[in-house]
Amino acid sequence: RQGGRLALVGAAAVSLAAYAGSAAAGTTPVESSRYL
């Protein structure tokens, strides 16, 4: 159970970090927010 919770946290953190590090996050945030 705790491992499953940690998996959800880790996947979200990686997704958020990858998007925030992309050029789209700074230039087209309205449409590129779909990446989240």
PDB file of all heavy atoms in Angstrom:
ATOM      1  N   ARG A   1       0.826  -1.209   0.000  1.00  0.00           N
ATOM      2  CA  ARG A   1       0.000   0.000   0.000  1.00  0.00           C
ATOM      3  C   ARG A   1       0.859   1.257   0.000  1.00  0.00           C
ATOM      4  O   ARG A   1       0.644   2.182  -0.780  1.00  0.00           O
ATOM      5  CB  ARG A   1      -0.922   0.009   1.208  1.00  0.00           C
ATOM      6  CG  ARG A   1      -1.968  -1.088   1.216  1.00  0.00           C
ATOM      7  CD  ARG A   1      -2.841  -0.965   2.453  1.00  0.00           C
ATOM      8  NE  ARG A   1      -3.684   0.211   2.402  1.00  0.00           N
ATOM      9  CZ  ARG A   1      -4.229   0.773   3.483  1.00  0.00           C
ATOM     10  NH1 ARG A   1      -3.975   0.293   4.683  1.00  0.00           N
ATOM     11  NH2 ARG A   1      -5.004   1.817   3.360  1.00  0.00           N
ATOM     12  N   GLN A   2       1.841   1.284   0.881  1.00  0.00           N
ATOM     13  CA  GLN A   2       2.705   2.460   0.940  1.00  0.00           C
ATOM     14  C   GLN A   2       3.554   2.583  -0.320  1.00  0.00           C
ATOM     15  O   GLN A   2       3.823   3.689  -0.796  1.00  0.00           O
ATOM     16  CB  GLN A   2       3.602   2.400   2.187  1.00  0.00           C
ATOM     17  CG  GLN A   2       2.840   2.396   3.507  1.00  0.00           C
ATOM     18  CD  GLN A   2       1.961   3.620   3.688  1.00  0.00           C
ATOM     19  OE1 GLN A   2       2.249   4.695   3.170  1.00  0.00           O
ATOM     20  NE2 GLN A   2       0.869   3.464   4.439  1.00  0.00           N
ATOM     21  N   GLY A   3       3.973   1.448  -0.867  1.00  0.00           N
ATOM     22  CA  GLY A   3       4.710   1.486  -2.124  1.00  0.00           C
ATOM     23  C   GLY A   3       3.860   2.027  -3.261  1.00  0.00           C
ATOM     24  O   GLY A   3       4.350   2.783  -4.116  1.00  0.00           O
ATOM     25  N   GLY A   4       2.568   1.650  -3.297  1.00  0.00           N
ATOM     26  CA  GLY A   4       1.664   2.187  -4.299  1.00  0.00           C
ATOM     27  C   GLY A   4       1.485   3.688  -4.161  1.00  0.00           C
ATOM     28  O   GLY A   4       1.462   4.423  -5.157  1.00  0.00           O
ATOM     29  N   ARG A   5       1.370   4.154  -2.908  1.00  0.00           N
ATOM     30  CA  ARG A   5       1.254   5.601  -2.688  1.00  0.00           C
ATOM     31  C   ARG A   5       2.522   6.314  -3.167  1.00  0.00           C
ATOM     32  O   ARG A   5       2.461   7.375  -3.797  1.00  0.00           O
ATOM     33  CB  ARG A   5       1.033   5.880  -1.197  1.00  0.00           C
ATOM     34  CG  ARG A   5      -0.258   5.304  -0.640  1.00  0.00           C
ATOM     35  CD  ARG A   5      -0.392   5.606   0.848  1.00  0.00           C
ATOM     36  NE  ARG A   5      -1.576   4.978   1.431  1.00  0.00           N
ATOM     37  CZ  ARG A   5      -2.008   5.177   2.672  1.00  0.00           C
ATOM     38  NH1 ARG A   5      -1.327   5.986   3.465  1.00  0.00           N
ATOM     39  NH2 ARG A   5      -3.092   4.571   3.111  1.00  0.00           N
ATOM     40  N   LEU A   6       3.664   5.724  -2.864  1.00  0.00           N
ATOM     41  CA  LEU A   6       4.930   6.319  -3.275  1.00  0.00           C
ATOM     42  C   LEU A   6       5.065   6.317  -4.798  1.00  0.00           C
ATOM     43  O   LEU A   6       5.641   7.249  -5.384  1.00  0.00           O
ATOM     44  CB  LEU A   6       6.086   5.552  -2.632  1.00  0.00           C
ATOM     45  CG  LEU A   6       7.435   6.272  -2.534  1.00  0.00           C
ATOM     46  CD1 LEU A   6       7.290   7.565  -1.735  1.00  0.00           C
ATOM     47  CD2 LEU A   6       8.460   5.359  -1.883  1.00  0.00           C
ATOM     48  N   ALA A   7       4.541   5.295  -5.462  1.00  0.00           N
ATOM     49  CA  ALA A   7       4.574   5.246  -6.926  1.00  0.00           C
ATOM     50  C   ALA A   7       3.778   6.407  -7.517  1.00  0.00           C
ATOM     51  O   ALA A   7       4.217   7.040  -8.495  1.00  0.00           O
ATOM     52  CB  ALA A   7       4.015   3.912  -7.420  1.00  0.00           C
ATOM     53  N   LEU A   8       2.610   6.698  -6.952  1.00  0.00           N
ATOM     54  CA  LEU A   8       1.814   7.823  -7.442  1.00  0.00           C
ATOM     55  C   LEU A   8       2.542   9.140  -7.235  1.00  0.00           C
ATOM     56  O   LEU A   8       2.511  10.029  -8.096  1.00  0.00           O
ATOM     57  CB  LEU A   8       0.459   7.862  -6.729  1.00  0.00           C
ATOM     58  CG  LEU A   8      -0.486   6.690  -6.978  1.00  0.00           C
ATOM     59  CD1 LEU A   8      -1.812   6.905  -6.241  1.00  0.00           C
ATOM     60  CD2 LEU A   8      -0.748   6.495  -8.469  1.00  0.00           C
ATOM     61  N   VAL A   9       3.203   9.289  -6.099  1.00  0.00           N
ATOM     62  CA  VAL A   9       3.954  10.518  -5.820  1.00  0.00           C
ATOM     63  C   VAL A   9       5.127  10.657  -6.784  1.00  0.00           C
ATOM     64  O   VAL A   9       5.345  11.720  -7.376  1.00  0.00           O
ATOM     65  CB  VAL A   9       4.457  10.509  -4.365  1.00  0.00           C
ATOM     66  CG1 VAL A   9       5.432  11.665  -4.126  1.00  0.00           C
ATOM     67  CG2 VAL A   9       3.289  10.610  -3.393  1.00  0.00           C
ATOM     68  N   GLY A  10       5.897   9.585  -6.951  1.00  0.00           N
ATOM     69  CA  GLY A  10       7.069   9.652  -7.811  1.00  0.00           C
ATOM     70  C   GLY A  10       6.728   9.937  -9.259  1.00  0.00           C
ATOM     71  O   GLY A  10       7.388  10.752  -9.924  1.00  0.00           O
ATOM     72  N   ALA A  11       5.687   9.279  -9.773  1.00  0.00           N
ATOM     73  CA  ALA A  11       5.290   9.504 -11.164  1.00  0.00           C
ATOM     74  C   ALA A  11       4.829  10.936 -11.382  1.00  0.00           C
ATOM     75  O   ALA A  11       5.158  11.565 -12.403  1.00  0.00           O
ATOM     76  CB  ALA A  11       4.192   8.525 -11.566  1.00  0.00           C
ATOM     77  N   ALA A  12       4.073  11.475 -10.422  1.00  0.00           N
ATOM     78  CA  ALA A  12       3.618  12.860 -10.543  1.00  0.00           C
ATOM     79  C   ALA A  12       4.796  13.825 -10.489  1.00  0.00           C
ATOM     80  O   ALA A  12       4.843  14.802 -11.250  1.00  0.00           O
ATOM     81  CB  ALA A  12       2.624  13.176  -9.427  1.00  0.00           C
ATOM     82  N   ALA A  13       5.751  13.573  -9.604  1.00  0.00           N
ATOM     83  CA  ALA A  13       6.907  14.457  -9.480  1.00  0.00           C
ATOM     84  C   ALA A  13       7.729  14.470 -10.765  1.00  0.00           C
ATOM     85  O   ALA A  13       8.167  15.533 -11.232  1.00  0.00           O
ATOM     86  CB  ALA A  13       7.771  14.016  -8.295  1.00  0.00           C
ATOM     87  N   VAL A  14       7.938  13.305 -11.357  1.00  0.00           N
ATOM     88  CA  VAL A  14       8.707  13.230 -12.612  1.00  0.00           C
ATOM     89  C   VAL A  14       7.951  13.941 -13.734  1.00  0.00           C
ATOM     90  O   VAL A  14       8.545  14.693 -14.530  1.00  0.00           O
ATOM     91  CB  VAL A  14       8.997  11.767 -12.980  1.00  0.00           C
ATOM     92  CG1 VAL A  14       9.601  11.670 -14.376  1.00  0.00           C
ATOM     93  CG2 VAL A  14       9.939  11.140 -11.956  1.00  0.00           C
ATOM     94  N   SER A  15       6.650  13.719 -13.827  1.00  0.00           N
ATOM     95  CA  SER A  15       5.852  14.374 -14.875  1.00  0.00           C
ATOM     96  C   SER A  15       5.902  15.888 -14.737  1.00  0.00           C
ATOM     97  O   SER A  15       6.075  16.612 -15.727  1.00  0.00           O
ATOM     98  CB  SER A  15       4.401  13.897 -14.805  1.00  0.00           C
ATOM     99  OG  SER A  15       4.301  12.504 -15.033  1.00  0.00           O
ATOM    100  N   LEU A  16       5.754  16.376 -13.510  1.00  0.00           N
ATOM    101  CA  LEU A  16       5.761  17.818 -13.272  1.00  0.00           C
ATOM    102  C   LEU A  16       7.132  18.421 -13.574  1.00  0.00           C
ATOM    103  O   LEU A  16       7.233  19.480 -14.204  1.00  0.00           O
ATOM    104  CB  LEU A  16       5.356  18.108 -11.830  1.00  0.00           C
ATOM    105  CG  LEU A  16       5.265  19.582 -11.425  1.00  0.00           C
ATOM    106  CD1 LEU A  16       4.249  20.316 -12.294  1.00  0.00           C
ATOM    107  CD2 LEU A  16       4.886  19.697  -9.950  1.00  0.00           C
ATOM    108  N   ALA A  17       8.189  17.747 -13.143  1.00  0.00           N
ATOM    109  CA  ALA A  17       9.537  18.255 -13.387  1.00  0.00           C
ATOM    110  C   ALA A  17       9.857  18.275 -14.885  1.00  0.00           C
ATOM    111  O   ALA A  17      10.460  19.232 -15.386  1.00  0.00           O
ATOM    112  CB  ALA A  17      10.560  17.400 -12.636  1.00  0.00           C
ATOM    113  N   ALA A  18       9.455  17.225 -15.599  1.00  0.00           N
ATOM    114  CA  ALA A  18       9.711  17.171 -17.040  1.00  0.00           C
ATOM    115  C   ALA A  18       8.992  18.293 -17.774  1.00  0.00           C
ATOM    116  O   ALA A  18       9.546  18.930 -18.685  1.00  0.00           O
ATOM    117  CB  ALA A  18       9.293  15.810 -17.595  1.00  0.00           C
ATOM    118  N   TYR A  19       7.752  18.562 -17.383  1.00  0.00           N
ATOM    119  CA  TYR A  19       7.002  19.629 -18.041  1.00  0.00           C
ATOM    120  C   TYR A  19       7.573  21.000 -17.697  1.00  0.00           C
ATOM    121  O   TYR A  19       7.763  21.845 -18.582  1.00  0.00           O
ATOM    122  CB  TYR A  19       5.531  19.557 -17.638  1.00  0.00           C
ATOM    123  CG  TYR A  19       4.731  20.730 -18.137  1.00  0.00           C
ATOM    124  CD1 TYR A  19       4.655  21.021 -19.495  1.00  0.00           C
ATOM    125  CD2 TYR A  19       4.057  21.572 -17.248  1.00  0.00           C
ATOM    126  CE1 TYR A  19       3.927  22.109 -19.958  1.00  0.00           C
ATOM    127  CE2 TYR A  19       3.327  22.655 -17.706  1.00  0.00           C
ATOM    128  CZ  TYR A  19       3.264  22.917 -19.054  1.00  0.00           C
ATOM    129  OH  TYR A  19       2.547  24.005 -19.516  1.00  0.00           O
ATOM    130  N   ALA A  20       7.870  21.221 -16.428  1.00  0.00           N
ATOM    131  CA  ALA A  20       8.405  22.521 -16.021  1.00  0.00           C
ATOM    132  C   ALA A  20       9.762  22.805 -16.667  1.00  0.00           C
ATOM    133  O   ALA A  20      10.138  23.962 -16.847  1.00  0.00           O
ATOM    134  CB  ALA A  20       8.526  22.590 -14.503  1.00  0.00           C
ATOM    135  N   GLY A  21      10.487  21.764 -17.031  1.00  0.00           N
ATOM    136  CA  GLY A  21      11.771  21.951 -17.680  1.00  0.00           C
ATOM    137  C   GLY A  21      11.694  22.118 -19.178  1.00  0.00           C
ATOM    138  O   GLY A  21      12.723  22.339 -19.834  1.00  0.00           O
ATOM    139  N   SER A  22      10.503  22.045 -19.749  1.00  0.00           N
ATOM    140  CA  SER A  22      10.346  22.136 -21.202  1.00  0.00           C
ATOM    141  C   SER A  22      10.151  23.579 -21.637  1.00  0.00           C
ATOM    142  O   SER A  22       9.716  24.438 -20.852  1.00  0.00           O
ATOM    143  CB  SER A  22       9.148  21.297 -21.664  1.00  0.00           C
ATOM    144  OG  SER A  22       7.934  21.873 -21.210  1.00  0.00           O
ATOM    145  N   ALA A  23      10.462  23.842 -22.906  1.00  0.00           N
ATOM    146  CA  ALA A  23      10.256  25.180 -23.448  1.00  0.00           C
ATOM    147  C   ALA A  23       8.779  25.544 -23.480  1.00  0.00           C
ATOM    148  O   ALA A  23       8.410  26.699 -23.268  1.00  0.00           O
ATOM    149  CB  ALA A  23      10.856  25.267 -24.850  1.00  0.00           C
ATOM    150  N   ALA A  24       7.909  24.547 -23.708  1.00  0.00           N
ATOM    151  CA  ALA A  24       6.472  24.813 -23.832  1.00  0.00           C
ATOM    152  C   ALA A  24       5.892  25.399 -22.551  1.00  0.00           C
ATOM    153  O   ALA A  24       4.957  26.201 -22.600  1.00  0.00           O
ATOM    154  CB  ALA A  24       5.735  23.526 -24.193  1.00  0.00           C
ATOM    155  N   ALA A  25       6.431  25.007 -21.394  1.00  0.00           N
ATOM    156  CA  ALA A  25       5.901  25.515 -20.130  1.00  0.00           C
ATOM    157  C   ALA A  25       6.036  27.021 -20.027  1.00  0.00           C
ATOM    158  O   ALA A  25       5.182  27.696 -19.429  1.00  0.00           O
ATOM    159  CB  ALA A  25       6.615  24.847 -18.954  1.00  0.00           C
ATOM    160  N   GLY A  26       7.094  27.581 -20.616  1.00  0.00           N
ATOM    161  CA  GLY A  26       7.299  29.014 -20.543  1.00  0.00           C
ATOM    162  C   GLY A  26       6.677  29.792 -21.678  1.00  0.00           C
ATOM    163  O   GLY A  26       6.335  30.962 -21.516  1.00  0.00           O
ATOM    164  N   THR A  27       6.493  29.151 -22.833  1.00  0.00           N
ATOM    165  CA  THR A  27       6.028  29.881 -24.023  1.00  0.00           C
ATOM    166  C   THR A  27       4.545  29.712 -24.306  1.00  0.00           C
ATOM    167  O   THR A  27       3.882  30.645 -24.745  1.00  0.00           O
ATOM    168  CB  THR A  27       6.837  29.433 -25.256  1.00  0.00           C
ATOM    169  OG1 THR A  27       6.726  28.013 -25.412  1.00  0.00           O
ATOM    170  CG2 THR A  27       8.306  29.801 -25.095  1.00  0.00           C
ATOM    171  N   THR A  28       3.995  28.502 -24.093  1.00  0.00           N
ATOM    172  CA  THR A  28       2.570  28.254 -24.402  1.00  0.00           C
ATOM    173  C   THR A  28       1.892  27.513 -23.249  1.00  0.00           C
ATOM    174  O   THR A  28       1.392  26.404 -23.428  1.00  0.00           O
ATOM    175  CB  THR A  28       2.439  27.425 -25.693  1.00  0.00           C
ATOM    176  OG1 THR A  28       3.177  26.186 -25.531  1.00  0.00           O
ATOM    177  CG2 THR A  28       2.980  28.177 -26.885  1.00  0.00           C
ATOM    178  N   PRO A  29       1.869  28.097 -22.054  1.00  0.00           N
ATOM    179  CA  PRO A  29       1.360  27.350 -20.894  1.00  0.00           C
ATOM    180  C   PRO A  29      -0.122  27.017 -20.960  1.00  0.00           C
ATOM    181  O   PRO A  29      -0.551  26.015 -20.377  1.00  0.00           O
ATOM    182  CB  PRO A  29       1.667  28.280 -19.717  1.00  0.00           C
ATOM    183  CG  PRO A  29       1.732  29.650 -20.319  1.00  0.00           C
ATOM    184  CD  PRO A  29       2.306  29.450 -21.688  1.00  0.00           C
ATOM    185  N   VAL A  30      -0.918  27.822 -21.660  1.00  0.00           N
ATOM    186  CA  VAL A  30      -2.359  27.552 -21.691  1.00  0.00           C
ATOM    187  C   VAL A  30      -2.645  26.223 -22.376  1.00  0.00           C
ATOM    188  O   VAL A  30      -3.325  25.348 -21.822  1.00  0.00           O
ATOM    189  CB  VAL A  30      -3.107  28.699 -22.393  1.00  0.00           C
ATOM    190  CG1 VAL A  30      -4.586  28.329 -22.583  1.00  0.00           C
ATOM    191  CG2 VAL A  30      -3.002  29.987 -21.584  1.00  0.00           C
ATOM    192  N   GLU A  31      -2.116  26.038 -23.574  1.00  0.00           N
ATOM    193  CA  GLU A  31      -2.377  24.795 -24.298  1.00  0.00           C
ATOM    194  C   GLU A  31      -1.469  23.656 -23.858  1.00  0.00           C
ATOM    195  O   GLU A  31      -1.890  22.507 -23.792  1.00  0.00           O
ATOM    196  CB  GLU A  31      -2.224  25.037 -25.803  1.00  0.00           C
ATOM    197  CG  GLU A  31      -3.422  25.712 -26.442  1.00  0.00           C
ATOM    198  CD  GLU A  31      -4.720  24.946 -26.197  1.00  0.00           C
ATOM    199  OE1 GLU A  31      -4.748  23.713 -26.362  1.00  0.00           O
ATOM    200  OE2 GLU A  31      -5.715  25.585 -25.827  1.00  0.00           O
ATOM    201  N   SER A  32      -0.217  23.963 -23.546  1.00  0.00           N
ATOM    202  CA  SER A  32       0.700  22.876 -23.184  1.00  0.00           C
ATOM    203  C   SER A  32       0.450  22.333 -21.784  1.00  0.00           C
ATOM    204  O   SER A  32       1.020  21.309 -21.415  1.00  0.00           O
ATOM    205  CB  SER A  32       2.157  23.340 -23.308  1.00  0.00           C
ATOM    206  OG  SER A  32       2.443  24.373 -22.387  1.00  0.00           O
ATOM    207  N   SER A  33      -0.413  22.972 -20.998  1.00  0.00           N
ATOM    208  CA  SER A  33      -0.754  22.408 -19.684  1.00  0.00           C
ATOM    209  C   SER A  33      -1.413  21.038 -19.820  1.00  0.00           C
ATOM    210  O   SER A  33      -1.521  20.299 -18.835  1.00  0.00           O
ATOM    211  CB  SER A  33      -1.682  23.358 -18.917  1.00  0.00           C
ATOM    212  OG  SER A  33      -2.912  23.533 -19.608  1.00  0.00           O
ATOM    213  N   ARG A  34      -1.831  20.687 -21.038  1.00  0.00           N
ATOM    214  CA  ARG A  34      -2.384  19.349 -21.257  1.00  0.00           C
ATOM    215  C   ARG A  34      -1.336  18.271 -20.988  1.00  0.00           C
ATOM    216  O   ARG A  34      -1.671  17.107 -20.761  1.00  0.00           O
ATOM    217  CB  ARG A  34      -2.910  19.213 -22.687  1.00  0.00           C
ATOM    218  CG  ARG A  34      -1.839  19.263 -23.770  1.00  0.00           C
ATOM    219  CD  ARG A  34      -2.485  19.275 -25.162  1.00  0.00           C
ATOM    220  NE  ARG A  34      -1.504  19.209 -26.246  1.00  0.00           N
ATOM    221  CZ  ARG A  34      -0.891  20.255 -26.762  1.00  0.00           C
ATOM    222  NH1 ARG A  34      -1.152  21.468 -26.259  1.00  0.00           N
ATOM    223  NH2 ARG A  34      -0.017  20.121 -27.734  1.00  0.00           N
ATOM    224  N   TYR A  35      -0.054  18.646 -21.012  1.00  0.00           N
ATOM    225  CA  TYR A  35       0.999  17.681 -20.745  1.00  0.00           C
ATOM    226  C   TYR A  35       0.978  17.194 -19.294  1.00  0.00           C
ATOM    227  O   TYR A  35       1.662  16.230 -18.956  1.00  0.00           O
ATOM    228  CB  TYR A  35       2.373  18.280 -21.061  1.00  0.00           C
ATOM    229  CG  TYR A  35       2.564  18.676 -22.505  1.00  0.00           C
ATOM    230  CD1 TYR A  35       3.379  19.738 -22.862  1.00  0.00           C
ATOM    231  CD2 TYR A  35       1.908  17.990 -23.536  1.00  0.00           C
ATOM    232  CE1 TYR A  35       3.547  20.107 -24.194  1.00  0.00           C
ATOM    233  CE2 TYR A  35       2.071  18.351 -24.855  1.00  0.00           C
ATOM    234  CZ  TYR A  35       2.890  19.421 -25.180  1.00  0.00           C
ATOM    235  OH  TYR A  35       3.048  19.773 -26.499  1.00  0.00           O
ATOM    236  N   LEU A  36       0.214  17.865 -18.449  1.00  0.00           N
ATOM    237  CA  LEU A  36       0.067  17.444 -17.049  1.00  0.00           C
ATOM    238  C   LEU A  36      -1.186  16.596 -16.849  1.00  0.00           C
ATOM    239  O   LEU A  36      -1.590  16.358 -15.709  1.00  0.00           O
ATOM    240  CB  LEU A  36       0.008  18.670 -16.131  1.00  0.00           C
ATOM    241  CG  LEU A  36       1.279  19.519 -16.068  1.00  0.00           C
ATOM    242  CD1 LEU A  36       1.052  20.731 -15.180  1.00  0.00           C
ATOM    243  CD2 LEU A  36       2.452  18.693 -15.562  1.00  0.00           C
TER     244      LEU A  36
END
